[in-house]
């Protein structure tokens, strides 16, 4: 039992650390802070390219803390749908994460998708990928 009696919070913190540790290991980065930033940016870029219905289904599969990061700062009516090509996706992520010294571009974005493939249901990954245009769908490797 948690010292505070808040097992749900303890559990989501543990799951979030597991996600960040897995991503950090896949990336081979020393900075877990940078790995978390990459995860957050990629989630935001995915969020801005999904329909609200698909986003709701996707978010339900995320740990509570990561789900909060997904929706952080999101105002649907003021968030224009982003260009959906893989090239623009990589450019958008790179612009936000590029200052991280270890960031290698598309290669590192693939590692975020690999973590998502590993951590959420295959069916949901397939649903998300199916809702994306061909270029981005191909960029997010199938599980």
C-alpha atoms as a PDB file:
ATOM      1  CA  UNK A   1       0.000   0.000   0.000  1.00  0.00           C
ATOM      2  CA  UNK A   2       1.153   3.488  -0.803  1.00  0.00           C
ATOM      3  CA  UNK A   3       2.315   5.671   2.061  1.00  0.00           C
ATOM      4  CA  UNK A   4      -0.359   8.177   1.029  1.00  0.00           C
ATOM      5  CA  UNK A   5      -3.028   5.611   0.137  1.00  0.00           C
ATOM      6  CA  UNK A   6      -2.986   6.818  -3.479  1.00  0.00           C
ATOM      7  CA  UNK A   7      -2.096   3.645  -5.345  1.00  0.00           C
ATOM      8  CA  UNK A   8      -3.511   4.930  -8.651  1.00  0.00           C
ATOM      9  CA  UNK A   9      -1.065   7.828  -8.619  1.00  0.00           C
ATOM     10  CA  UNK A  10       1.844   5.632  -7.555  1.00  0.00           C
ATOM     11  CA  UNK A  11       0.965   3.187 -10.338  1.00  0.00           C
ATOM     12  CA  UNK A  12       0.827   5.829 -13.083  1.00  0.00           C
ATOM     13  CA  UNK A  13       4.155   7.275 -11.920  1.00  0.00           C
ATOM     14  CA  UNK A  14       5.674   3.777 -12.069  1.00  0.00           C
ATOM     15  CA  UNK A  15       4.227   3.135 -15.550  1.00  0.00           C
ATOM     16  CA  UNK A  16       5.443   6.505 -16.786  1.00  0.00           C
ATOM     17  CA  UNK A  17       8.958   5.718 -15.559  1.00  0.00           C
ATOM     18  CA  UNK A  18       8.768   2.364 -17.360  1.00  0.00           C
ATOM     19  CA  UNK A  19       7.802   4.094 -20.624  1.00  0.00           C
ATOM     20  CA  UNK A  20      10.573   6.687 -20.268  1.00  0.00           C
ATOM     21  CA  UNK A  21      13.147   4.061 -19.313  1.00  0.00           C
ATOM     22  CA  UNK A  22      12.190   1.908 -22.297  1.00  0.00           C
ATOM     23  CA  UNK A  23      12.414   4.865 -24.665  1.00  0.00           C
ATOM     24  CA  UNK A  24      15.705   6.011 -23.161  1.00  0.00           C
ATOM     25  CA  UNK A  25      17.144   2.502 -23.540  1.00  0.00           C
ATOM     26  CA  UNK A  26      15.998   2.243 -27.159  1.00  0.00           C
ATOM     27  CA  UNK A  27      17.437   5.682 -27.931  1.00  0.00           C
ATOM     28  CA  UNK A  28      20.678   5.052 -26.072  1.00  0.00           C
ATOM     29  CA  UNK A  29      20.408   8.554 -24.615  1.00  0.00           C
ATOM     30  CA  UNK A  30      21.912   9.541 -21.306  1.00  0.00           C
ATOM     31  CA  UNK A  31      19.238  12.164 -20.629  1.00  0.00           C
ATOM     32  CA  UNK A  32      15.869  10.794 -19.576  1.00  0.00           C
ATOM     33  CA  UNK A  33      14.619  14.376 -19.554  1.00  0.00           C
ATOM     34  CA  UNK A  34      15.357  14.589 -23.292  1.00  0.00           C
ATOM     35  CA  UNK A  35      13.679  11.221 -23.875  1.00  0.00           C
ATOM     36  CA  UNK A  36      10.579  12.478 -22.056  1.00  0.00           C
ATOM     37  CA  UNK A  37      10.609  15.646 -24.153  1.00  0.00           C
ATOM     38  CA  UNK A  38      10.787  13.597 -27.360  1.00  0.00           C
ATOM     39  CA  UNK A  39       7.911  11.389 -26.196  1.00  0.00           C
ATOM     40  CA  UNK A  40       5.801  14.434 -25.339  1.00  0.00           C
ATOM     41  CA  UNK A  41       6.494  16.201 -28.633  1.00  0.00           C
ATOM     42  CA  UNK A  42       5.742  13.100 -30.713  1.00  0.00           C
ATOM     43  CA  UNK A  43       2.508  12.525 -28.770  1.00  0.00           C
ATOM     44  CA  UNK A  44       1.474  16.143 -29.415  1.00  0.00           C
ATOM     45  CA  UNK A  45       2.221  15.796 -33.115  1.00  0.00           C
ATOM     46  CA  UNK A  46       0.191  12.565 -33.285  1.00  0.00           C
ATOM     47  CA  UNK A  47      -2.617  14.245 -31.336  1.00  0.00           C
ATOM     48  CA  UNK A  48      -2.793  17.110 -33.798  1.00  0.00           C
ATOM     49  CA  UNK A  49      -3.164  14.699 -36.724  1.00  0.00           C
ATOM     50  CA  UNK A  50      -5.934  12.464 -35.348  1.00  0.00           C
ATOM     51  CA  UNK A  51      -9.676  12.915 -35.278  1.00  0.00           C
ATOM     52  CA  UNK A  52     -11.080  13.627 -31.832  1.00  0.00           C
ATOM     53  CA  UNK A  53     -12.744  10.173 -31.721  1.00  0.00           C
ATOM     54  CA  UNK A  54      -9.521   8.372 -32.588  1.00  0.00           C
ATOM     55  CA  UNK A  55      -7.603  10.537 -30.123  1.00  0.00           C
ATOM     56  CA  UNK A  56     -10.007   9.580 -27.322  1.00  0.00           C
ATOM     57  CA  UNK A  57      -9.511   5.877 -28.073  1.00  0.00           C
ATOM     58  CA  UNK A  58      -5.734   6.285 -28.258  1.00  0.00           C
ATOM     59  CA  UNK A  59      -5.528   8.245 -25.014  1.00  0.00           C
ATOM     60  CA  UNK A  60      -7.487   5.593 -23.116  1.00  0.00           C
ATOM     61  CA  UNK A  61      -4.533   3.228 -23.607  1.00  0.00           C
ATOM     62  CA  UNK A  62      -1.970   5.578 -22.070  1.00  0.00           C
ATOM     63  CA  UNK A  63      -0.944   5.758 -18.423  1.00  0.00           C
ATOM     64  CA  UNK A  64      -2.719   8.619 -16.682  1.00  0.00           C
ATOM     65  CA  UNK A  65       0.370  10.820 -16.454  1.00  0.00           C
ATOM     66  CA  UNK A  66       1.290  10.329 -20.120  1.00  0.00           C
ATOM     67  CA  UNK A  67      -2.357  10.915 -21.078  1.00  0.00           C
ATOM     68  CA  UNK A  68      -2.135  14.246 -19.273  1.00  0.00           C
ATOM     69  CA  UNK A  69       0.959  15.148 -21.290  1.00  0.00           C
ATOM     70  CA  UNK A  70      -0.889  14.208 -24.475  1.00  0.00           C
ATOM     71  CA  UNK A  71      -3.652  16.709 -23.753  1.00  0.00           C
ATOM     72  CA  UNK A  72      -1.400  19.372 -22.217  1.00  0.00           C
ATOM     73  CA  UNK A  73      -2.105  22.732 -23.814  1.00  0.00           C
ATOM     74  CA  UNK A  74      -4.590  21.292 -26.307  1.00  0.00           C
ATOM     75  CA  UNK A  75      -7.490  23.493 -27.339  1.00  0.00           C
ATOM     76  CA  UNK A  76      -9.262  21.590 -30.137  1.00  0.00           C
ATOM     77  CA  UNK A  77     -10.954  24.619 -31.679  1.00  0.00           C
ATOM     78  CA  UNK A  78      -7.664  26.505 -31.798  1.00  0.00           C
ATOM     79  CA  UNK A  79      -5.460  23.599 -32.897  1.00  0.00           C
ATOM     80  CA  UNK A  80      -5.320  23.472 -36.680  1.00  0.00           C
ATOM     81  CA  UNK A  81      -5.004  19.998 -38.129  1.00  0.00           C
ATOM     82  CA  UNK A  82      -1.414  19.556 -39.155  1.00  0.00           C
ATOM     83  CA  UNK A  83      -0.036  18.552 -42.511  1.00  0.00           C
ATOM     84  CA  UNK A  84      -0.109  14.805 -42.377  1.00  0.00           C
ATOM     85  CA  UNK A  85       2.927  13.743 -44.430  1.00  0.00           C
ATOM     86  CA  UNK A  86       5.850  11.926 -42.821  1.00  0.00           C
ATOM     87  CA  UNK A  87       8.286  14.612 -43.960  1.00  0.00           C
ATOM     88  CA  UNK A  88       6.353  17.412 -42.289  1.00  0.00           C
ATOM     89  CA  UNK A  89       5.863  15.252 -39.183  1.00  0.00           C
ATOM     90  CA  UNK A  90       9.639  14.792 -38.859  1.00  0.00           C
ATOM     91  CA  UNK A  91      10.220  18.515 -39.495  1.00  0.00           C
ATOM     92  CA  UNK A  92       7.664  19.469 -36.829  1.00  0.00           C
ATOM     93  CA  UNK A  93       9.208  17.133 -34.247  1.00  0.00           C
ATOM     94  CA  UNK A  94      12.761  18.148 -35.168  1.00  0.00           C
ATOM     95  CA  UNK A  95      11.940  21.839 -34.800  1.00  0.00           C
ATOM     96  CA  UNK A  96      10.789  21.209 -31.221  1.00  0.00           C
ATOM     97  CA  UNK A  97      13.402  18.657 -30.143  1.00  0.00           C
ATOM     98  CA  UNK A  98      16.321  19.465 -32.418  1.00  0.00           C
ATOM     99  CA  UNK A  99      18.238  21.331 -29.733  1.00  0.00           C
ATOM    100  CA  UNK A 100      18.642  18.082 -27.771  1.00  0.00           C
ATOM    101  CA  UNK A 101      22.245  17.154 -28.462  1.00  0.00           C
ATOM    102  CA  UNK A 102      21.480  13.462 -28.882  1.00  0.00           C
ATOM    103  CA  UNK A 103      18.528  13.849 -31.289  1.00  0.00           C
ATOM    104  CA  UNK A 104      19.050  12.097 -34.634  1.00  0.00           C
ATOM    105  CA  UNK A 105      15.768  12.939 -36.342  1.00  0.00           C
ATOM    106  CA  UNK A 106      13.586  10.279 -37.954  1.00  0.00           C
ATOM    107  CA  UNK A 107      15.572   7.426 -36.420  1.00  0.00           C
ATOM    108  CA  UNK A 108      14.675   8.573 -32.906  1.00  0.00           C
ATOM    109  CA  UNK A 109      11.037   9.207 -33.792  1.00  0.00           C
ATOM    110  CA  UNK A 110      10.844   5.560 -34.881  1.00  0.00           C
ATOM    111  CA  UNK A 111      11.878   4.563 -31.357  1.00  0.00           C
ATOM    112  CA  UNK A 112       8.893   6.446 -29.918  1.00  0.00           C
ATOM    113  CA  UNK A 113       6.619   4.548 -32.300  1.00  0.00           C
ATOM    114  CA  UNK A 114       8.319   1.301 -31.230  1.00  0.00           C
ATOM    115  CA  UNK A 115       7.509   2.076 -27.585  1.00  0.00           C
ATOM    116  CA  UNK A 116       3.904   2.808 -28.519  1.00  0.00           C
ATOM    117  CA  UNK A 117       3.786  -0.476 -30.468  1.00  0.00           C
ATOM    118  CA  UNK A 118       5.071  -2.260 -27.376  1.00  0.00           C
ATOM    119  CA  UNK A 119       2.898  -0.492 -24.806  1.00  0.00           C
ATOM    120  CA  UNK A 120      -0.559  -0.135 -26.364  1.00  0.00           C
ATOM    121  CA  UNK A 121      -2.746  -2.797 -27.940  1.00  0.00           C
ATOM    122  CA  UNK A 122      -1.965  -3.917 -31.441  1.00  0.00           C
ATOM    123  CA  UNK A 123      -5.551  -3.183 -32.450  1.00  0.00           C
ATOM    124  CA  UNK A 124      -5.287   0.431 -31.305  1.00  0.00           C
ATOM    125  CA  UNK A 125      -1.940   0.873 -33.070  1.00  0.00           C
ATOM    126  CA  UNK A 126      -3.530  -0.459 -36.250  1.00  0.00           C
ATOM    127  CA  UNK A 127      -6.534   1.884 -35.822  1.00  0.00           C
ATOM    128  CA  UNK A 128      -4.271   4.898 -35.349  1.00  0.00           C
ATOM    129  CA  UNK A 129      -2.073   3.980 -38.284  1.00  0.00           C
ATOM    130  CA  UNK A 130      -5.123   3.380 -40.494  1.00  0.00           C
ATOM    131  CA  UNK A 131      -6.400   6.887 -39.761  1.00  0.00           C
ATOM    132  CA  UNK A 132      -3.139   8.457 -40.928  1.00  0.00           C
ATOM    133  CA  UNK A 133      -2.237   9.097 -44.574  1.00  0.00           C
ATOM    134  CA  UNK A 134      -0.108   6.526 -46.367  1.00  0.00           C
ATOM    135  CA  UNK A 135       3.216   8.338 -45.944  1.00  0.00           C
ATOM    136  CA  UNK A 136       2.899   8.700 -42.194  1.00  0.00           C
ATOM    137  CA  UNK A 137       1.346   5.233 -41.855  1.00  0.00           C
ATOM    138  CA  UNK A 138       4.391   3.751 -43.583  1.00  0.00           C
ATOM    139  CA  UNK A 139       6.720   5.841 -41.420  1.00  0.00           C
ATOM    140  CA  UNK A 140       5.133   4.364 -38.241  1.00  0.00           C
ATOM    141  CA  UNK A 141       6.272   0.784 -38.624  1.00  0.00           C
ATOM    142  CA  UNK A 142       3.622  -1.864 -37.941  1.00  0.00           C
ATOM    143  CA  UNK A 143       3.968  -3.814 -34.700  1.00  0.00           C
END
